[in-house]
Amino acid sequence: MQSRVQAKPEKLEEVKAEILKIPHTEIHGEKTDEGKLVVTIESNVHLALSDRIDQVRDIKGVIVVSLISNYIDEQ
């Protein structure tokens, strides 16, 4: 699942460090001056994705987390 994370620009480095502590989470792009990140969160359990989104949302300095795309592999 890809998400857009909007954070306070002055907190962006701290937000990035906290996001990277979450298992199966990667940062693929950023607009530093705007505090925007593109983040991929992976899990084979749907509820774990929700939990990880909540973890990102709860990071100090995060304003909003928006879903960009979601892919479910049926295998």
C-alpha atoms as a PDB file:
ATOM      1  CA  MET A   1       0.000   0.000   0.000  1.00  0.00           C
ATOM      2  CA  GLN A   2       1.295   3.440  -0.845  1.00  0.00           C
ATOM      3  CA  SER A   3       0.432   6.438   1.275  1.00  0.00           C
ATOM      4  CA  ARG A   4       1.158  10.126   1.237  1.00  0.00           C
ATOM      5  CA  VAL A   5       2.285  11.437   4.601  1.00  0.00           C
ATOM      6  CA  GLN A   6       2.055  15.150   5.302  1.00  0.00           C
ATOM      7  CA  ALA A   7       4.227  16.309   8.184  1.00  0.00           C
ATOM      8  CA  LYS A   8       5.382  19.592   9.607  1.00  0.00           C
ATOM      9  CA  PRO A   9       8.445  20.446   7.480  1.00  0.00           C
ATOM     10  CA  GLU A  10      10.516  21.243  10.563  1.00  0.00           C
ATOM     11  CA  LYS A  11       9.755  17.751  11.950  1.00  0.00           C
ATOM     12  CA  LEU A  12      10.302  15.836   8.695  1.00  0.00           C
ATOM     13  CA  GLU A  13      13.634  14.211   9.592  1.00  0.00           C
ATOM     14  CA  GLU A  14      12.241  12.986  12.924  1.00  0.00           C
ATOM     15  CA  VAL A  15       9.086  11.698  11.205  1.00  0.00           C
ATOM     16  CA  LYS A  16      11.180   9.832   8.617  1.00  0.00           C
ATOM     17  CA  ALA A  17      13.281   8.192  11.326  1.00  0.00           C
ATOM     18  CA  GLU A  18      10.155   7.040  13.185  1.00  0.00           C
ATOM     19  CA  ILE A  19       8.502   5.713  10.002  1.00  0.00           C
ATOM     20  CA  LEU A  20      11.573   3.635   9.192  1.00  0.00           C
ATOM     21  CA  LYS A  21      11.305   1.944  12.607  1.00  0.00           C
ATOM     22  CA  ILE A  22       7.952   0.419  11.561  1.00  0.00           C
ATOM     23  CA  PRO A  23       8.434  -3.078  10.064  1.00  0.00           C
ATOM     24  CA  HIS A  24       7.950  -3.462   6.286  1.00  0.00           C
ATOM     25  CA  THR A  25       7.773   0.291   5.728  1.00  0.00           C
ATOM     26  CA  GLU A  26       9.807   2.221   3.142  1.00  0.00           C
ATOM     27  CA  ILE A  27      10.030   5.852   2.073  1.00  0.00           C
ATOM     28  CA  HIS A  28      10.091   6.231  -1.715  1.00  0.00           C
ATOM     29  CA  GLY A  29       9.897   9.963  -2.231  1.00  0.00           C
ATOM     30  CA  GLU A  30       9.802  13.277  -0.471  1.00  0.00           C
ATOM     31  CA  LYS A  31       9.298  17.001  -0.901  1.00  0.00           C
ATOM     32  CA  THR A  32      11.322  18.251   2.028  1.00  0.00           C
ATOM     33  CA  ASP A  33      10.243  21.897   1.846  1.00  0.00           C
ATOM     34  CA  GLU A  34       6.550  20.854   1.878  1.00  0.00           C
ATOM     35  CA  GLY A  35       6.886  18.081   4.477  1.00  0.00           C
ATOM     36  CA  LYS A  36       5.499  15.430   2.110  1.00  0.00           C
ATOM     37  CA  LEU A  37       6.537  11.772   1.913  1.00  0.00           C
ATOM     38  CA  VAL A  38       5.492   8.813  -0.229  1.00  0.00           C
ATOM     39  CA  VAL A  39       5.530   5.728   1.982  1.00  0.00           C
ATOM     40  CA  THR A  40       4.996   2.042   1.147  1.00  0.00           C
ATOM     41  CA  ILE A  41       3.598  -0.121   3.932  1.00  0.00           C
ATOM     42  CA  GLU A  42       3.455  -3.881   3.379  1.00  0.00           C
ATOM     43  CA  SER A  43       1.794  -6.726   5.256  1.00  0.00           C
ATOM     44  CA  ASN A  44       0.225 -10.065   4.458  1.00  0.00           C
ATOM     45  CA  VAL A  45      -2.492  -9.372   7.038  1.00  0.00           C
ATOM     46  CA  HIS A  46      -5.041  -6.634   6.287  1.00  0.00           C
ATOM     47  CA  LEU A  47      -5.456  -5.587   9.936  1.00  0.00           C
ATOM     48  CA  ALA A  48      -1.697  -5.184  10.310  1.00  0.00           C
ATOM     49  CA  LEU A  49      -1.823  -2.557   7.549  1.00  0.00           C
ATOM     50  CA  SER A  50      -4.405  -0.596   9.531  1.00  0.00           C
ATOM     51  CA  ASP A  51      -2.247  -0.839  12.641  1.00  0.00           C
ATOM     52  CA  ARG A  52       0.804   0.402  10.740  1.00  0.00           C
ATOM     53  CA  ILE A  53      -1.140   3.317   9.261  1.00  0.00           C
ATOM     54  CA  ASP A  54      -2.218   4.217  12.803  1.00  0.00           C
ATOM     55  CA  GLN A  55       1.420   4.022  13.939  1.00  0.00           C
ATOM     56  CA  VAL A  56       2.432   6.485  11.213  1.00  0.00           C
ATOM     57  CA  ARG A  57      -0.520   8.756  12.012  1.00  0.00           C
ATOM     58  CA  ASP A  58       0.484   8.804  15.707  1.00  0.00           C
ATOM     59  CA  ILE A  59       4.053  10.000  15.053  1.00  0.00           C
ATOM     60  CA  LYS A  60       4.634  13.460  16.505  1.00  0.00           C
ATOM     61  CA  GLY A  61       4.804  15.941  13.631  1.00  0.00           C
ATOM     62  CA  VAL A  62       2.525  13.993  11.248  1.00  0.00           C
ATOM     63  CA  ILE A  63      -0.461  16.027  10.060  1.00  0.00           C
ATOM     64  CA  VAL A  64      -2.268  13.499   7.844  1.00  0.00           C
ATOM     65  CA  VAL A  65      -1.807  10.091   6.189  1.00  0.00           C
ATOM     66  CA  SER A  66      -3.634   9.565   2.867  1.00  0.00           C
ATOM     67  CA  LEU A  67      -3.983   6.347   0.879  1.00  0.00           C
ATOM     68  CA  ILE A  68      -2.553   6.614  -2.647  1.00  0.00           C
ATOM     69  CA  SER A  69      -2.947   3.008  -3.804  1.00  0.00           C
ATOM     70  CA  ASN A  70      -3.549  -0.426  -2.365  1.00  0.00           C
ATOM     71  CA  TYR A  71      -2.664  -3.791  -3.898  1.00  0.00           C
ATOM     72  CA  ILE A  72      -3.695  -7.152  -2.497  1.00  0.00           C
ATOM     73  CA  ASP A  73      -1.952 -10.254  -3.826  1.00  0.00           C
ATOM     74  CA  GLU A  74      -4.475 -13.093  -3.719  1.00  0.00           C
ATOM     75  CA  GLN A  75      -1.835 -15.866  -3.722  1.00  0.00           C
END
